[in-house]
Amino acid sequence: MTEQQAPDRTTDYQGKTERITHPPQIAALLRRVRDQKVLLSAQVPGHEGLFNSMLLDVNPERNIILLDELSPRGGHELACQVRQLRVRCQCHGVELSFACAIEVGQSQRGISFYRASLPDAINYLQRRINFRVRVGVNLAVPVHLPLEGAAILDGELSDLSLGGLGANVSTHVKLSRGQIIDTCSIHLPKGESLQAELEIRFVRHDTQRQQQHIGAAFRNLQPQQEQTLRKFVAQLEREMLRRKARS
């Protein structure tokens, strides 16, 4: 039994944090988040757990932003008590985070929202292009690797980035470093799929679980495939944030 050493993949997350304080730039960043309907991950200071929200409006002329009420409901109840939020999100590979004091309002339809001043500062972290999203064990994303001779290795995704993937696959055919997979298929929860060429970069065999963990790089991606992949990464991240907020 041989084992290929996994390369250092921490660079997937390296980047430089910048503190944005220029109001027009802050407004532009938040408008992008609003327009893309990006899911926000919010924390109530002094309490554990993450909750979901959305940015409803950005009005720099009035110096306010509007946020949707937190879900699940327990988050909204905490927000009403503390009146403070710490918010973060991912938008086009950039992580944004800010803190705000809130006032609780209610629409004519009885739906709660939060009013806050336009943040004085936003922390802006530009990820490297290969920003990686880990896939939790409670979220199954099937992967299929067709091989020569009509053999197919089935497995599940463990992480995904714009540069490649990690997956746990069956062991009835052993994979090796440098091997090319002509058409890998990845299936996301909403029924969409991506087919792409892969190059195996490392393999780790787990005899107890009867599986092999692989790391692979995408090859020869076409513009349409890259667009689909970006959508997949963002979709996976939103799904993981939802599940984390419910846990």
C-alpha atoms as a PDB file:
ATOM      1  CA  MET A   1       0.000   0.000   0.000  1.00  0.00           C
ATOM      2  CA  THR A   2       1.409   3.385  -1.000  1.00  0.00           C
ATOM      3  CA  GLU A   3       0.350   6.821   0.059  1.00  0.00           C
ATOM      4  CA  GLN A   4       0.929  10.078  -1.748  1.00  0.00           C
ATOM      5  CA  GLN A   5       1.548  13.010   0.584  1.00  0.00           C
ATOM      6  CA  ALA A   6      -1.081  15.714   0.292  1.00  0.00           C
ATOM      7  CA  PRO A   7       0.249  19.085  -0.781  1.00  0.00           C
ATOM      8  CA  ASP A   8      -0.074  22.080   1.517  1.00  0.00           C
ATOM      9  CA  ARG A   9      -3.502  23.462   0.648  1.00  0.00           C
ATOM     10  CA  THR A  10      -3.664  26.246   3.200  1.00  0.00           C
ATOM     11  CA  THR A  11      -2.838  28.684   0.405  1.00  0.00           C
ATOM     12  CA  ASP A  12      -6.419  28.179  -0.777  1.00  0.00           C
ATOM     13  CA  TYR A  13      -7.395  30.509   2.054  1.00  0.00           C
ATOM     14  CA  GLN A  14      -4.555  33.017   2.007  1.00  0.00           C
ATOM     15  CA  GLY A  15      -5.347  36.622   1.352  1.00  0.00           C
ATOM     16  CA  LYS A  16      -4.898  40.104   2.752  1.00  0.00           C
ATOM     17  CA  THR A  17      -7.538  41.773   4.892  1.00  0.00           C
ATOM     18  CA  GLU A  18      -8.211  45.400   4.094  1.00  0.00           C
ATOM     19  CA  ARG A  19     -10.285  47.752   6.227  1.00  0.00           C
ATOM     20  CA  ILE A  20     -12.548  49.831   3.994  1.00  0.00           C
ATOM     21  CA  THR A  21     -13.589  53.184   5.516  1.00  0.00           C
ATOM     22  CA  HIS A  22     -14.493  55.261   2.439  1.00  0.00           C
ATOM     23  CA  PRO A  23     -18.333  55.601   2.522  1.00  0.00           C
ATOM     24  CA  PRO A  24     -18.894  55.455  -1.278  1.00  0.00           C
ATOM     25  CA  GLN A  25     -16.817  52.272  -1.465  1.00  0.00           C
ATOM     26  CA  ILE A  26     -18.691  50.761   1.484  1.00  0.00           C
ATOM     27  CA  ALA A  27     -22.009  51.563  -0.184  1.00  0.00           C
ATOM     28  CA  ALA A  28     -20.846  50.054  -3.489  1.00  0.00           C
ATOM     29  CA  LEU A  29     -19.756  46.809  -1.799  1.00  0.00           C
ATOM     30  CA  LEU A  30     -23.023  46.485   0.099  1.00  0.00           C
ATOM     31  CA  ARG A  31     -25.076  47.215  -3.013  1.00  0.00           C
ATOM     32  CA  ARG A  32     -23.294  44.363  -4.746  1.00  0.00           C
ATOM     33  CA  VAL A  33     -24.229  42.072  -1.853  1.00  0.00           C
ATOM     34  CA  ARG A  34     -27.846  43.267  -2.038  1.00  0.00           C
ATOM     35  CA  ASP A  35     -28.098  42.924  -5.812  1.00  0.00           C
ATOM     36  CA  GLN A  36     -26.627  39.400  -5.766  1.00  0.00           C
ATOM     37  CA  LYS A  37     -29.054  38.402  -2.972  1.00  0.00           C
ATOM     38  CA  VAL A  38     -26.108  37.015  -1.006  1.00  0.00           C
ATOM     39  CA  LEU A  39     -26.960  35.087   2.151  1.00  0.00           C
ATOM     40  CA  LEU A  40     -25.597  36.811   5.249  1.00  0.00           C
ATOM     41  CA  SER A  41     -24.234  34.975   8.261  1.00  0.00           C
ATOM     42  CA  ALA A  42     -25.008  36.977  11.408  1.00  0.00           C
ATOM     43  CA  GLN A  43     -23.926  36.529  15.007  1.00  0.00           C
ATOM     44  CA  VAL A  44     -25.426  38.196  18.063  1.00  0.00           C
ATOM     45  CA  PRO A  45     -22.574  39.374  20.345  1.00  0.00           C
ATOM     46  CA  GLY A  46     -22.384  37.401  23.566  1.00  0.00           C
ATOM     47  CA  HIS A  47     -24.240  34.422  22.114  1.00  0.00           C
ATOM     48  CA  GLU A  48     -23.117  31.364  20.197  1.00  0.00           C
ATOM     49  CA  GLY A  49     -24.525  30.323  16.865  1.00  0.00           C
ATOM     50  CA  LEU A  50     -24.859  31.794  13.393  1.00  0.00           C
ATOM     51  CA  PHE A  51     -28.111  32.976  11.870  1.00  0.00           C
ATOM     52  CA  ASN A  52     -29.253  33.804   8.351  1.00  0.00           C
ATOM     53  CA  SER A  53     -30.248  37.203   7.038  1.00  0.00           C
ATOM     54  CA  MET A  54     -30.360  39.200   3.806  1.00  0.00           C
ATOM     55  CA  LEU A  55     -29.479  42.774   2.943  1.00  0.00           C
ATOM     56  CA  LEU A  56     -32.760  44.414   1.917  1.00  0.00           C
ATOM     57  CA  ASP A  57     -31.674  47.966   1.119  1.00  0.00           C
ATOM     58  CA  VAL A  58     -28.635  50.235   1.014  1.00  0.00           C
ATOM     59  CA  ASN A  59     -29.333  53.968   1.173  1.00  0.00           C
ATOM     60  CA  PRO A  60     -26.151  56.047   1.521  1.00  0.00           C
ATOM     61  CA  GLU A  61     -28.109  59.291   1.093  1.00  0.00           C
ATOM     62  CA  ARG A  62     -29.960  58.555   4.336  1.00  0.00           C
ATOM     63  CA  ASN A  63     -26.952  56.707   5.798  1.00  0.00           C
ATOM     64  CA  ILE A  64     -28.944  53.538   6.498  1.00  0.00           C
ATOM     65  CA  ILE A  65     -29.086  49.892   5.559  1.00  0.00           C
ATOM     66  CA  LEU A  66     -31.969  47.473   6.098  1.00  0.00           C
ATOM     67  CA  LEU A  67     -31.484  43.826   7.063  1.00  0.00           C
ATOM     68  CA  ASP A  68     -34.014  41.008   7.007  1.00  0.00           C
ATOM     69  CA  GLU A  69     -34.955  39.443  10.352  1.00  0.00           C
ATOM     70  CA  LEU A  70     -32.702  36.629  11.519  1.00  0.00           C
ATOM     71  CA  SER A  71     -33.681  33.031  11.070  1.00  0.00           C
ATOM     72  CA  PRO A  72     -34.226  30.690  12.763  1.00  0.00           C
ATOM     73  CA  ARG A  73     -36.596  32.616  15.032  1.00  0.00           C
ATOM     74  CA  GLY A  74     -34.342  32.294  18.070  1.00  0.00           C
ATOM     75  CA  GLY A  75     -31.801  34.554  16.392  1.00  0.00           C
ATOM     76  CA  HIS A  76     -34.387  37.280  15.890  1.00  0.00           C
ATOM     77  CA  GLU A  77     -35.371  37.124  19.554  1.00  0.00           C
ATOM     78  CA  LEU A  78     -31.726  37.522  20.603  1.00  0.00           C
ATOM     79  CA  ALA A  79     -31.239  40.408  18.162  1.00  0.00           C
ATOM     80  CA  CYS A  80     -34.243  42.211  19.657  1.00  0.00           C
ATOM     81  CA  GLN A  81     -32.651  41.951  23.099  1.00  0.00           C
ATOM     82  CA  VAL A  82     -29.031  42.808  22.276  1.00  0.00           C
ATOM     83  CA  ARG A  83     -29.591  45.233  19.356  1.00  0.00           C
ATOM     84  CA  GLN A  84     -26.126  44.443  17.979  1.00  0.00           C
ATOM     85  CA  LEU A  85     -25.023  42.212  15.092  1.00  0.00           C
ATOM     86  CA  ARG A  86     -21.776  40.992  13.586  1.00  0.00           C
ATOM     87  CA  VAL A  87     -22.333  40.199   9.923  1.00  0.00           C
ATOM     88  CA  ARG A  88     -20.227  38.439   7.312  1.00  0.00           C
ATOM     89  CA  CYS A  89     -20.741  37.074   3.810  1.00  0.00           C
ATOM     90  CA  GLN A  90     -18.971  35.878   0.670  1.00  0.00           C
ATOM     91  CA  CYS A  91     -19.493  37.722  -2.606  1.00  0.00           C
ATOM     92  CA  HIS A  92     -17.499  36.927  -5.762  1.00  0.00           C
ATOM     93  CA  GLY A  93     -14.689  35.306  -3.765  1.00  0.00           C
ATOM     94  CA  VAL A  94     -14.430  38.248  -1.359  1.00  0.00           C
ATOM     95  CA  GLU A  95     -15.253  37.941   2.344  1.00  0.00           C
ATOM     96  CA  LEU A  96     -16.932  41.001   3.831  1.00  0.00           C
ATOM     97  CA  SER A  97     -17.631  41.544   7.521  1.00  0.00           C
ATOM     98  CA  PHE A  98     -18.891  44.406   9.649  1.00  0.00           C
ATOM     99  CA  ALA A  99     -20.568  45.177  12.967  1.00  0.00           C
ATOM    100  CA  CYS A 100     -23.689  47.263  13.417  1.00  0.00           C
ATOM    101  CA  ALA A 101     -26.158  48.498  16.010  1.00  0.00           C
ATOM    102  CA  ILE A 102     -29.744  47.857  14.944  1.00  0.00           C
ATOM    103  CA  GLU A 103     -33.239  49.196  15.460  1.00  0.00           C
ATOM    104  CA  VAL A 104     -36.059  46.703  15.001  1.00  0.00           C
ATOM    105  CA  GLY A 105     -38.851  47.670  12.628  1.00  0.00           C
ATOM    106  CA  GLN A 106     -41.882  45.954  11.168  1.00  0.00           C
ATOM    107  CA  SER A 107     -43.385  46.123   7.696  1.00  0.00           C
ATOM    108  CA  GLN A 108     -47.091  46.576   6.971  1.00  0.00           C
ATOM    109  CA  ARG A 109     -47.291  42.814   6.445  1.00  0.00           C
ATOM    110  CA  GLY A 110     -45.954  42.207   9.941  1.00  0.00           C
ATOM    111  CA  ILE A 111     -42.482  41.082   8.830  1.00  0.00           C
ATOM    112  CA  SER A 112     -39.648  42.292  11.040  1.00  0.00           C
ATOM    113  CA  PHE A 113     -36.520  43.967   9.715  1.00  0.00           C
ATOM    114  CA  TYR A 114     -33.508  45.786  11.165  1.00  0.00           C
ATOM    115  CA  ARG A 115     -32.424  49.339  10.456  1.00  0.00           C
ATOM    116  CA  ALA A 116     -28.761  50.223  10.923  1.00  0.00           C
ATOM    117  CA  SER A 117     -26.421  53.032   9.999  1.00  0.00           C
ATOM    118  CA  LEU A 118     -24.173  52.509   7.008  1.00  0.00           C
ATOM    119  CA  PRO A 119     -21.122  50.814   8.580  1.00  0.00           C
ATOM    120  CA  ASP A 120     -18.176  53.064   9.381  1.00  0.00           C
ATOM    121  CA  ALA A 121     -15.859  50.291   8.199  1.00  0.00           C
ATOM    122  CA  ILE A 122     -15.990  46.949   6.410  1.00  0.00           C
ATOM    123  CA  ASN A 123     -13.330  44.259   6.637  1.00  0.00           C
ATOM    124  CA  TYR A 124     -12.557  43.129   3.099  1.00  0.00           C
ATOM    125  CA  LEU A 125     -10.651  39.881   2.518  1.00  0.00           C
ATOM    126  CA  GLN A 126      -9.789  39.060  -1.078  1.00  0.00           C
ATOM    127  CA  ARG A 127      -9.425  35.307  -1.408  1.00  0.00           C
ATOM    128  CA  ARG A 128      -7.051  33.687  -3.808  1.00  0.00           C
ATOM    129  CA  ILE A 129      -8.743  32.410  -6.942  1.00  0.00           C
ATOM    130  CA  ASN A 130      -8.753  28.887  -5.506  1.00  0.00           C
ATOM    131  CA  PHE A 131     -10.913  29.717  -2.497  1.00  0.00           C
ATOM    132  CA  ARG A 132     -12.012  26.348  -1.156  1.00  0.00           C
ATOM    133  CA  VAL A 133     -15.394  25.478   0.323  1.00  0.00           C
ATOM    134  CA  ARG A 134     -15.437  22.486   2.635  1.00  0.00           C
ATOM    135  CA  VAL A 135     -18.434  20.185   2.369  1.00  0.00           C
ATOM    136  CA  GLY A 136     -19.794  18.924   5.696  1.00  0.00           C
ATOM    137  CA  VAL A 137     -20.518  15.246   6.318  1.00  0.00           C
ATOM    138  CA  ASN A 138     -24.234  16.046   6.538  1.00  0.00           C
ATOM    139  CA  LEU A 139     -24.302  17.384   2.970  1.00  0.00           C
ATOM    140  CA  ALA A 140     -23.858  14.689   0.318  1.00  0.00           C
ATOM    141  CA  VAL A 141     -22.564  15.900  -3.069  1.00  0.00           C
ATOM    142  CA  PRO A 142     -22.110  12.847  -5.351  1.00  0.00           C
ATOM    143  CA  VAL A 143     -19.030  12.564  -7.575  1.00  0.00           C
ATOM    144  CA  HIS A 144     -18.601  10.060 -10.420  1.00  0.00           C
ATOM    145  CA  LEU A 145     -15.240   9.294 -12.057  1.00  0.00           C
ATOM    146  CA  PRO A 146     -15.524   7.273 -15.308  1.00  0.00           C
ATOM    147  CA  LEU A 147     -12.353   5.267 -16.011  1.00  0.00           C
ATOM    148  CA  GLU A 148     -11.074   3.187 -18.905  1.00  0.00           C
ATOM    149  CA  GLY A 149     -12.802  -0.142 -19.396  1.00  0.00           C
ATOM    150  CA  ALA A 150     -16.260   1.129 -18.398  1.00  0.00           C
ATOM    151  CA  ALA A 151     -15.338   1.265 -14.698  1.00  0.00           C
ATOM    152  CA  ILE A 152     -16.802   4.114 -12.641  1.00  0.00           C
ATOM    153  CA  LEU A 153     -15.664   5.231  -9.208  1.00  0.00           C
ATOM    154  CA  ASP A 154     -18.471   6.716  -7.120  1.00  0.00           C
ATOM    155  CA  GLY A 155     -17.938   8.953  -4.128  1.00  0.00           C
ATOM    156  CA  GLU A 156     -18.744  12.210  -2.382  1.00  0.00           C
ATOM    157  CA  LEU A 157     -17.209  15.668  -2.541  1.00  0.00           C
ATOM    158  CA  SER A 158     -15.223  16.834   0.504  1.00  0.00           C
ATOM    159  CA  ASP A 159     -14.213  20.284  -0.767  1.00  0.00           C
ATOM    160  CA  LEU A 160     -14.481  22.368  -3.922  1.00  0.00           C
ATOM    161  CA  SER A 161     -12.651  25.384  -5.314  1.00  0.00           C
ATOM    162  CA  LEU A 162     -12.276  27.124  -8.650  1.00  0.00           C
ATOM    163  CA  GLY A 163      -9.037  25.191  -9.119  1.00  0.00           C
ATOM    164  CA  GLY A 164      -9.989  21.673  -8.110  1.00  0.00           C
ATOM    165  CA  LEU A 165     -11.715  19.364  -5.663  1.00  0.00           C
ATOM    166  CA  GLY A 166     -11.258  16.885  -2.862  1.00  0.00           C
ATOM    167  CA  ALA A 167     -13.383  13.737  -2.743  1.00  0.00           C
ATOM    168  CA  ASN A 168     -13.744  10.383  -1.021  1.00  0.00           C
ATOM    169  CA  VAL A 169     -14.299   7.655  -3.614  1.00  0.00           C
ATOM    170  CA  SER A 170     -14.577   3.875  -3.709  1.00  0.00           C
ATOM    171  CA  THR A 171     -11.464   1.695  -3.890  1.00  0.00           C
ATOM    172  CA  HIS A 172     -12.315  -1.052  -6.384  1.00  0.00           C
ATOM    173  CA  VAL A 173      -9.969   0.720  -8.822  1.00  0.00           C
ATOM    174  CA  LYS A 174      -6.879   2.375  -7.340  1.00  0.00           C
ATOM    175  CA  LEU A 175      -6.115   5.890  -8.578  1.00  0.00           C
ATOM    176  CA  SER A 176      -2.598   7.287  -8.916  1.00  0.00           C
ATOM    177  CA  ARG A 177      -0.985  10.703  -8.913  1.00  0.00           C
ATOM    178  CA  GLY A 178      -0.880  12.288 -12.367  1.00  0.00           C
ATOM    179  CA  GLN A 179      -3.775  10.208 -13.670  1.00  0.00           C
ATOM    180  CA  ILE A 180      -6.191  12.066 -15.967  1.00  0.00           C
ATOM    181  CA  ILE A 181      -9.955  11.684 -15.589  1.00  0.00           C
ATOM    182  CA  ASP A 182     -11.542  12.800 -18.851  1.00  0.00           C
ATOM    183  CA  THR A 183     -15.027  13.526 -17.510  1.00  0.00           C
ATOM    184  CA  CYS A 184     -15.697  13.909 -13.803  1.00  0.00           C
ATOM    185  CA  SER A 185     -19.345  14.538 -12.885  1.00  0.00           C
ATOM    186  CA  ILE A 186     -20.315  16.548  -9.783  1.00  0.00           C
ATOM    187  CA  HIS A 187     -23.968  16.686  -8.728  1.00  0.00           C
ATOM    188  CA  LEU A 188     -25.293  19.432  -6.440  1.00  0.00           C
ATOM    189  CA  PRO A 189     -28.451  19.296  -4.278  1.00  0.00           C
ATOM    190  CA  LYS A 190     -30.587  21.319  -6.712  1.00  0.00           C
ATOM    191  CA  GLY A 191     -30.153  18.767  -9.490  1.00  0.00           C
ATOM    192  CA  GLU A 192     -27.519  20.654 -11.466  1.00  0.00           C
ATOM    193  CA  SER A 193     -24.262  19.025 -12.499  1.00  0.00           C
ATOM    194  CA  LEU A 194     -20.802  19.857 -13.791  1.00  0.00           C
ATOM    195  CA  GLN A 195     -18.651  17.713 -16.077  1.00  0.00           C
ATOM    196  CA  ALA A 196     -14.943  18.532 -16.198  1.00  0.00           C
ATOM    197  CA  GLU A 197     -11.526  17.020 -16.885  1.00  0.00           C
ATOM    198  CA  LEU A 198      -9.403  16.276 -13.807  1.00  0.00           C
ATOM    199  CA  GLU A 199      -5.781  15.541 -12.995  1.00  0.00           C
ATOM    200  CA  ILE A 200      -5.228  13.541  -9.800  1.00  0.00           C
ATOM    201  CA  ARG A 201      -2.743  15.413  -7.586  1.00  0.00           C
ATOM    202  CA  PHE A 202      -2.690  13.172  -4.518  1.00  0.00           C
ATOM    203  CA  VAL A 203      -4.266   9.962  -3.227  1.00  0.00           C
ATOM    204  CA  ARG A 204      -4.621   8.728   0.347  1.00  0.00           C
ATOM    205  CA  HIS A 205      -5.977   5.221   0.895  1.00  0.00           C
ATOM    206  CA  ASP A 206      -8.172   4.450   3.918  1.00  0.00           C
ATOM    207  CA  THR A 207      -8.373   0.676   4.267  1.00  0.00           C
ATOM    208  CA  GLN A 208     -10.676   0.801   7.289  1.00  0.00           C
ATOM    209  CA  ARG A 209     -13.341   2.814   5.489  1.00  0.00           C
ATOM    210  CA  GLN A 210     -12.690   1.139   2.150  1.00  0.00           C
ATOM    211  CA  GLN A 211     -12.248   4.443   0.369  1.00  0.00           C
ATOM    212  CA  GLN A 212      -9.533   6.633  -1.121  1.00  0.00           C
ATOM    213  CA  HIS A 213      -9.336  10.371  -0.567  1.00  0.00           C
ATOM    214  CA  ILE A 214      -8.212  12.279  -3.640  1.00  0.00           C
ATOM    215  CA  GLY A 215      -7.203  15.823  -4.426  1.00  0.00           C
ATOM    216  CA  ALA A 216      -7.508  16.816  -8.068  1.00  0.00           C
ATOM    217  CA  ALA A 217      -7.061  19.874 -10.267  1.00  0.00           C
ATOM    218  CA  PHE A 218      -9.446  20.912 -13.028  1.00  0.00           C
ATOM    219  CA  ARG A 219      -7.970  20.944 -16.547  1.00  0.00           C
ATOM    220  CA  ASN A 220      -8.921  22.850 -19.687  1.00  0.00           C
ATOM    221  CA  LEU A 221     -12.033  24.476 -18.255  1.00  0.00           C
ATOM    222  CA  GLN A 222     -14.116  26.355 -20.802  1.00  0.00           C
ATOM    223  CA  PRO A 223     -15.737  29.723 -19.914  1.00  0.00           C
ATOM    224  CA  GLN A 224     -19.153  28.104 -19.466  1.00  0.00           C
ATOM    225  CA  GLN A 225     -17.673  25.475 -17.144  1.00  0.00           C
ATOM    226  CA  GLU A 226     -15.895  28.169 -15.111  1.00  0.00           C
ATOM    227  CA  GLN A 227     -19.141  30.088 -14.775  1.00  0.00           C
ATOM    228  CA  THR A 228     -20.960  26.956 -13.628  1.00  0.00           C
ATOM    229  CA  LEU A 229     -18.157  26.186 -11.175  1.00  0.00           C
ATOM    230  CA  ARG A 230     -18.310  29.663  -9.631  1.00  0.00           C
ATOM    231  CA  LYS A 231     -22.039  29.200  -9.166  1.00  0.00           C
ATOM    232  CA  PHE A 232     -21.432  25.766  -7.588  1.00  0.00           C
ATOM    233  CA  VAL A 233     -18.902  27.146  -5.086  1.00  0.00           C
ATOM    234  CA  ALA A 234     -21.250  29.970  -4.058  1.00  0.00           C
ATOM    235  CA  GLN A 235     -24.207  27.574  -3.825  1.00  0.00           C
ATOM    236  CA  LEU A 236     -22.272  25.154  -1.636  1.00  0.00           C
ATOM    237  CA  GLU A 237     -21.227  27.966   0.659  1.00  0.00           C
ATOM    238  CA  ARG A 238     -24.802  29.219   1.070  1.00  0.00           C
ATOM    239  CA  GLU A 239     -25.985  25.691   1.823  1.00  0.00           C
ATOM    240  CA  MET A 240     -23.271  25.200   4.435  1.00  0.00           C
ATOM    241  CA  LEU A 241     -24.134  28.516   6.110  1.00  0.00           C
ATOM    242  CA  ARG A 242     -27.801  27.510   6.290  1.00  0.00           C
ATOM    243  CA  ARG A 243     -26.947  24.174   7.852  1.00  0.00           C
ATOM    244  CA  LYS A 244     -24.521  25.779  10.325  1.00  0.00           C
ATOM    245  CA  ALA A 245     -27.183  28.268  11.393  1.00  0.00           C
ATOM    246  CA  ARG A 246     -29.672  25.451  12.014  1.00  0.00           C
ATOM    247  CA  SER A 247     -27.216  23.354  14.025  1.00  0.00           C
END
